[in-house]
């Protein structure tokens, strides 16, 4: 028997991008490089606090089949799948000037009702511009309103904003950027 495969690890520490993309034209949800890099897009990778940004989750119910008179065992069906976003805390400077880097997330999301897509790219250096052929996961989403807050305590406290986001449709995984 041949030696079992042992793939190399796909390292993602400091090699992760989360990019808000306002519009994706493709019915498959595969973004183009132009859409991922558009002026209306915003890379929130270095804005979101790692300890206060829930990762998207998927939960699939496993439901029991109804036992029949002659059954000696009870089995399961795969039930409803739920996709959830969660809470996120991002950097925010309440004294920042309009259009400055430290208020871009606030200006984009604060009012809530902002729809679009979160495009997640892993195992590519975060400073690398999204380009055709790179693989991403795409989450159709809506952001709820944000409120100013702080993150951290004492000497490490920073101005922040906190809000919720929801996954609004079936996400797509391992899509190549067009």
C-alpha atoms as a PDB file:
ATOM      1  CA  UNK A   1       0.000   0.000   0.000  1.00  0.00           C
ATOM      2  CA  UNK A   2       1.265   3.470  -0.833  1.00  0.00           C
ATOM      3  CA  UNK A   3       2.118   5.957   1.899  1.00  0.00           C
ATOM      4  CA  UNK A   4      -0.972   8.017   2.858  1.00  0.00           C
ATOM      5  CA  UNK A   5      -1.064  11.598   1.601  1.00  0.00           C
ATOM      6  CA  UNK A   6      -0.026  14.333   4.018  1.00  0.00           C
ATOM      7  CA  UNK A   7      -0.773  17.687   2.406  1.00  0.00           C
ATOM      8  CA  UNK A   8       1.224  20.684   3.535  1.00  0.00           C
ATOM      9  CA  UNK A   9      -0.635  23.041   5.870  1.00  0.00           C
ATOM     10  CA  UNK A  10      -2.398  26.016   4.298  1.00  0.00           C
ATOM     11  CA  UNK A  11      -1.122  28.671   6.685  1.00  0.00           C
ATOM     12  CA  UNK A  12      -3.553  31.512   7.284  1.00  0.00           C
ATOM     13  CA  UNK A  13      -1.984  33.355  10.235  1.00  0.00           C
ATOM     14  CA  UNK A  14      -1.492  36.907   8.883  1.00  0.00           C
ATOM     15  CA  UNK A  15      -2.545  35.556   5.459  1.00  0.00           C
ATOM     16  CA  UNK A  16      -6.236  36.399   5.521  1.00  0.00           C
ATOM     17  CA  UNK A  17      -8.303  39.102   3.862  1.00  0.00           C
ATOM     18  CA  UNK A  18     -11.910  40.022   4.525  1.00  0.00           C
ATOM     19  CA  UNK A  19     -13.129  42.425   1.866  1.00  0.00           C
ATOM     20  CA  UNK A  20     -16.556  44.030   1.669  1.00  0.00           C
ATOM     21  CA  UNK A  21     -17.614  44.111  -1.997  1.00  0.00           C
ATOM     22  CA  UNK A  22     -20.731  46.151  -2.792  1.00  0.00           C
ATOM     23  CA  UNK A  23     -21.649  44.455  -6.066  1.00  0.00           C
ATOM     24  CA  UNK A  24     -20.869  41.137  -7.745  1.00  0.00           C
ATOM     25  CA  UNK A  25     -22.409  40.816 -11.207  1.00  0.00           C
ATOM     26  CA  UNK A  26     -21.822  37.084 -11.735  1.00  0.00           C
ATOM     27  CA  UNK A  27     -24.755  34.760 -11.011  1.00  0.00           C
ATOM     28  CA  UNK A  28     -22.214  32.287  -9.589  1.00  0.00           C
ATOM     29  CA  UNK A  29     -21.050  34.991  -7.110  1.00  0.00           C
ATOM     30  CA  UNK A  30     -17.480  34.791  -8.419  1.00  0.00           C
ATOM     31  CA  UNK A  31     -16.172  38.355  -8.097  1.00  0.00           C
ATOM     32  CA  UNK A  32     -13.989  39.943 -10.723  1.00  0.00           C
ATOM     33  CA  UNK A  33     -10.675  41.490  -9.730  1.00  0.00           C
ATOM     34  CA  UNK A  34     -12.188  44.866 -10.663  1.00  0.00           C
ATOM     35  CA  UNK A  35     -15.154  44.319  -8.291  1.00  0.00           C
ATOM     36  CA  UNK A  36     -12.910  43.220  -5.412  1.00  0.00           C
ATOM     37  CA  UNK A  37     -10.679  46.262  -5.913  1.00  0.00           C
ATOM     38  CA  UNK A  38     -13.438  48.800  -6.733  1.00  0.00           C
ATOM     39  CA  UNK A  39     -13.706  52.137  -4.955  1.00  0.00           C
ATOM     40  CA  UNK A  40     -16.919  50.935  -3.259  1.00  0.00           C
ATOM     41  CA  UNK A  41     -15.145  47.894  -1.805  1.00  0.00           C
ATOM     42  CA  UNK A  42     -13.426  48.026   1.577  1.00  0.00           C
ATOM     43  CA  UNK A  43     -10.787  45.638   2.935  1.00  0.00           C
ATOM     44  CA  UNK A  44     -11.673  45.383   6.634  1.00  0.00           C
ATOM     45  CA  UNK A  45      -8.889  42.917   7.460  1.00  0.00           C
ATOM     46  CA  UNK A  46      -6.896  45.343   9.617  1.00  0.00           C
ATOM     47  CA  UNK A  47     -10.008  47.156  10.895  1.00  0.00           C
ATOM     48  CA  UNK A  48     -11.784  44.233  12.578  1.00  0.00           C
ATOM     49  CA  UNK A  49     -10.507  43.223  16.005  1.00  0.00           C
ATOM     50  CA  UNK A  50      -9.577  39.517  15.951  1.00  0.00           C
ATOM     51  CA  UNK A  51     -11.048  38.801  19.378  1.00  0.00           C
ATOM     52  CA  UNK A  52     -14.377  40.451  18.524  1.00  0.00           C
ATOM     53  CA  UNK A  53     -15.129  39.282  14.985  1.00  0.00           C
ATOM     54  CA  UNK A  54     -17.217  36.144  14.810  1.00  0.00           C
ATOM     55  CA  UNK A  55     -16.440  33.889  11.903  1.00  0.00           C
ATOM     56  CA  UNK A  56     -19.364  32.868   9.693  1.00  0.00           C
ATOM     57  CA  UNK A  57     -20.942  29.615  10.791  1.00  0.00           C
ATOM     58  CA  UNK A  58     -22.989  26.839   9.273  1.00  0.00           C
ATOM     59  CA  UNK A  59     -25.281  24.560  11.212  1.00  0.00           C
ATOM     60  CA  UNK A  60     -27.129  21.639   9.656  1.00  0.00           C
ATOM     61  CA  UNK A  61     -29.880  19.966  11.648  1.00  0.00           C
ATOM     62  CA  UNK A  62     -29.880  16.206  11.873  1.00  0.00           C
ATOM     63  CA  UNK A  63     -33.438  15.040  12.439  1.00  0.00           C
ATOM     64  CA  UNK A  64     -34.652  11.611  13.416  1.00  0.00           C
ATOM     65  CA  UNK A  65     -36.794   9.666  11.025  1.00  0.00           C
ATOM     66  CA  UNK A  66     -40.089   8.545  12.403  1.00  0.00           C
ATOM     67  CA  UNK A  67     -39.823   4.984  13.694  1.00  0.00           C
ATOM     68  CA  UNK A  68     -42.095   2.515  11.944  1.00  0.00           C
ATOM     69  CA  UNK A  69     -43.645  -0.516  13.601  1.00  0.00           C
ATOM     70  CA  UNK A  70     -41.224  -2.970  12.050  1.00  0.00           C
ATOM     71  CA  UNK A  71     -38.066  -0.854  12.557  1.00  0.00           C
ATOM     72  CA  UNK A  72     -35.448  -2.068  14.984  1.00  0.00           C
ATOM     73  CA  UNK A  73     -33.479   1.156  14.672  1.00  0.00           C
ATOM     74  CA  UNK A  74     -34.103   4.850  14.176  1.00  0.00           C
ATOM     75  CA  UNK A  75     -32.089   6.763  11.602  1.00  0.00           C
ATOM     76  CA  UNK A  76     -31.634  10.357  10.581  1.00  0.00           C
ATOM     77  CA  UNK A  77     -32.332  12.809   7.785  1.00  0.00           C
ATOM     78  CA  UNK A  78     -30.230  15.824   6.995  1.00  0.00           C
ATOM     79  CA  UNK A  79     -32.450  18.813   7.789  1.00  0.00           C
ATOM     80  CA  UNK A  80     -32.290  22.571   7.418  1.00  0.00           C
ATOM     81  CA  UNK A  81     -28.943  24.330   7.045  1.00  0.00           C
ATOM     82  CA  UNK A  82     -28.578  27.739   8.664  1.00  0.00           C
ATOM     83  CA  UNK A  83     -25.795  30.203   7.797  1.00  0.00           C
ATOM     84  CA  UNK A  84     -25.067  32.913  10.358  1.00  0.00           C
ATOM     85  CA  UNK A  85     -22.855  35.976  10.510  1.00  0.00           C
ATOM     86  CA  UNK A  86     -22.622  37.508  13.962  1.00  0.00           C
ATOM     87  CA  UNK A  87     -21.149  40.445  15.807  1.00  0.00           C
ATOM     88  CA  UNK A  88     -18.082  42.384  14.758  1.00  0.00           C
ATOM     89  CA  UNK A  89     -16.067  45.120  16.441  1.00  0.00           C
ATOM     90  CA  UNK A  90     -13.953  47.335  14.205  1.00  0.00           C
ATOM     91  CA  UNK A  91     -11.494  50.138  14.767  1.00  0.00           C
ATOM     92  CA  UNK A  92     -13.069  53.610  14.775  1.00  0.00           C
ATOM     93  CA  UNK A  93     -11.735  57.033  15.706  1.00  0.00           C
ATOM     94  CA  UNK A  94     -14.636  59.188  16.896  1.00  0.00           C
ATOM     95  CA  UNK A  95     -12.464  62.270  16.281  1.00  0.00           C
ATOM     96  CA  UNK A  96     -11.333  61.168  12.800  1.00  0.00           C
ATOM     97  CA  UNK A  97     -11.757  63.476   9.819  1.00  0.00           C
ATOM     98  CA  UNK A  98     -14.218  62.621   7.059  1.00  0.00           C
ATOM     99  CA  UNK A  99     -12.803  60.139   4.509  1.00  0.00           C
ATOM    100  CA  UNK A 100      -9.773  59.364   6.732  1.00  0.00           C
ATOM    101  CA  UNK A 101      -8.696  55.714   7.054  1.00  0.00           C
ATOM    102  CA  UNK A 102      -9.784  55.589  10.708  1.00  0.00           C
ATOM    103  CA  UNK A 103     -13.422  56.373   9.818  1.00  0.00           C
ATOM    104  CA  UNK A 104     -13.847  54.462   6.533  1.00  0.00           C
ATOM    105  CA  UNK A 105     -15.645  51.498   8.157  1.00  0.00           C
ATOM    106  CA  UNK A 106     -17.891  53.877  10.114  1.00  0.00           C
ATOM    107  CA  UNK A 107     -18.779  55.806   6.974  1.00  0.00           C
ATOM    108  CA  UNK A 108     -19.538  52.560   5.104  1.00  0.00           C
ATOM    109  CA  UNK A 109     -21.530  50.572   7.697  1.00  0.00           C
ATOM    110  CA  UNK A 110     -22.719  52.759  10.613  1.00  0.00           C
ATOM    111  CA  UNK A 111     -26.252  53.471   9.362  1.00  0.00           C
ATOM    112  CA  UNK A 112     -27.040  49.775   8.871  1.00  0.00           C
ATOM    113  CA  UNK A 113     -28.999  48.220   6.037  1.00  0.00           C
ATOM    114  CA  UNK A 114     -25.810  48.015   3.964  1.00  0.00           C
ATOM    115  CA  UNK A 115     -25.954  44.984   1.682  1.00  0.00           C
ATOM    116  CA  UNK A 116     -23.226  43.395  -0.391  1.00  0.00           C
ATOM    117  CA  UNK A 117     -20.762  40.546  -0.045  1.00  0.00           C
ATOM    118  CA  UNK A 118     -17.987  39.603   2.337  1.00  0.00           C
ATOM    119  CA  UNK A 119     -15.223  38.069   0.264  1.00  0.00           C
ATOM    120  CA  UNK A 120     -12.769  36.010   2.320  1.00  0.00           C
ATOM    121  CA  UNK A 121      -9.391  35.074   0.882  1.00  0.00           C
ATOM    122  CA  UNK A 122      -7.057  32.759   2.812  1.00  0.00           C
ATOM    123  CA  UNK A 123      -3.418  31.720   2.432  1.00  0.00           C
ATOM    124  CA  UNK A 124      -2.424  34.751   0.355  1.00  0.00           C
ATOM    125  CA  UNK A 125      -0.326  37.528   1.859  1.00  0.00           C
ATOM    126  CA  UNK A 126      -2.826  40.133   3.019  1.00  0.00           C
ATOM    127  CA  UNK A 127      -1.040  42.970   1.186  1.00  0.00           C
ATOM    128  CA  UNK A 128      -1.481  41.138  -2.143  1.00  0.00           C
ATOM    129  CA  UNK A 129      -4.045  42.757  -4.424  1.00  0.00           C
ATOM    130  CA  UNK A 130      -6.963  40.433  -5.215  1.00  0.00           C
ATOM    131  CA  UNK A 131      -6.329  39.055  -8.704  1.00  0.00           C
ATOM    132  CA  UNK A 132      -7.834  36.633 -11.196  1.00  0.00           C
ATOM    133  CA  UNK A 133      -7.242  32.998 -10.309  1.00  0.00           C
ATOM    134  CA  UNK A 134      -7.062  33.479  -6.517  1.00  0.00           C
ATOM    135  CA  UNK A 135      -9.727  31.528  -4.627  1.00  0.00           C
ATOM    136  CA  UNK A 136     -12.230  33.148  -2.275  1.00  0.00           C
ATOM    137  CA  UNK A 137     -15.315  32.371  -0.217  1.00  0.00           C
ATOM    138  CA  UNK A 138     -18.252  34.730  -0.799  1.00  0.00           C
ATOM    139  CA  UNK A 139     -20.941  35.522   1.776  1.00  0.00           C
ATOM    140  CA  UNK A 140     -23.968  37.554   0.629  1.00  0.00           C
ATOM    141  CA  UNK A 141     -24.591  39.811   3.621  1.00  0.00           C
ATOM    142  CA  UNK A 142     -26.314  42.735   5.270  1.00  0.00           C
ATOM    143  CA  UNK A 143     -24.906  44.885   8.043  1.00  0.00           C
ATOM    144  CA  UNK A 144     -27.077  46.166  10.869  1.00  0.00           C
ATOM    145  CA  UNK A 145     -26.432  49.553  12.456  1.00  0.00           C
ATOM    146  CA  UNK A 146     -23.187  50.105  14.353  1.00  0.00           C
ATOM    147  CA  UNK A 147     -22.629  52.081  17.518  1.00  0.00           C
ATOM    148  CA  UNK A 148     -19.454  53.667  18.865  1.00  0.00           C
ATOM    149  CA  UNK A 149     -17.754  51.811  21.698  1.00  0.00           C
ATOM    150  CA  UNK A 150     -14.245  50.886  22.787  1.00  0.00           C
ATOM    151  CA  UNK A 151     -12.242  47.708  22.491  1.00  0.00           C
ATOM    152  CA  UNK A 152      -9.814  46.566  25.138  1.00  0.00           C
ATOM    153  CA  UNK A 153      -9.194  47.870  28.618  1.00  0.00           C
ATOM    154  CA  UNK A 154      -6.857  50.290  30.323  1.00  0.00           C
ATOM    155  CA  UNK A 155      -3.776  51.335  28.408  1.00  0.00           C
ATOM    156  CA  UNK A 156      -4.707  49.065  25.490  1.00  0.00           C
ATOM    157  CA  UNK A 157      -8.227  50.492  24.990  1.00  0.00           C
ATOM    158  CA  UNK A 158      -9.013  51.793  21.499  1.00  0.00           C
ATOM    159  CA  UNK A 159     -11.936  53.590  19.909  1.00  0.00           C
ATOM    160  CA  UNK A 160     -14.181  51.080  18.171  1.00  0.00           C
ATOM    161  CA  UNK A 161     -17.583  50.452  16.616  1.00  0.00           C
ATOM    162  CA  UNK A 162     -19.727  47.358  17.124  1.00  0.00           C
ATOM    163  CA  UNK A 163     -22.541  45.916  15.058  1.00  0.00           C
ATOM    164  CA  UNK A 164     -24.073  42.811  13.567  1.00  0.00           C
ATOM    165  CA  UNK A 165     -24.016  41.261  10.135  1.00  0.00           C
ATOM    166  CA  UNK A 166     -26.165  38.533   8.649  1.00  0.00           C
ATOM    167  CA  UNK A 167     -25.656  36.071   5.813  1.00  0.00           C
ATOM    168  CA  UNK A 168     -28.608  36.699   3.504  1.00  0.00           C
ATOM    169  CA  UNK A 169     -28.286  33.872   0.972  1.00  0.00           C
ATOM    170  CA  UNK A 170     -26.344  30.667   0.381  1.00  0.00           C
ATOM    171  CA  UNK A 171     -22.604  31.393   0.500  1.00  0.00           C
ATOM    172  CA  UNK A 172     -20.285  30.069  -2.192  1.00  0.00           C
ATOM    173  CA  UNK A 173     -16.904  28.572  -1.434  1.00  0.00           C
ATOM    174  CA  UNK A 174     -13.595  28.248  -3.293  1.00  0.00           C
ATOM    175  CA  UNK A 175     -14.593  30.487  -6.188  1.00  0.00           C
ATOM    176  CA  UNK A 176     -11.856  31.740  -8.486  1.00  0.00           C
ATOM    177  CA  UNK A 177     -11.684  35.509  -8.854  1.00  0.00           C
ATOM    178  CA  UNK A 178     -12.468  36.293 -12.486  1.00  0.00           C
END
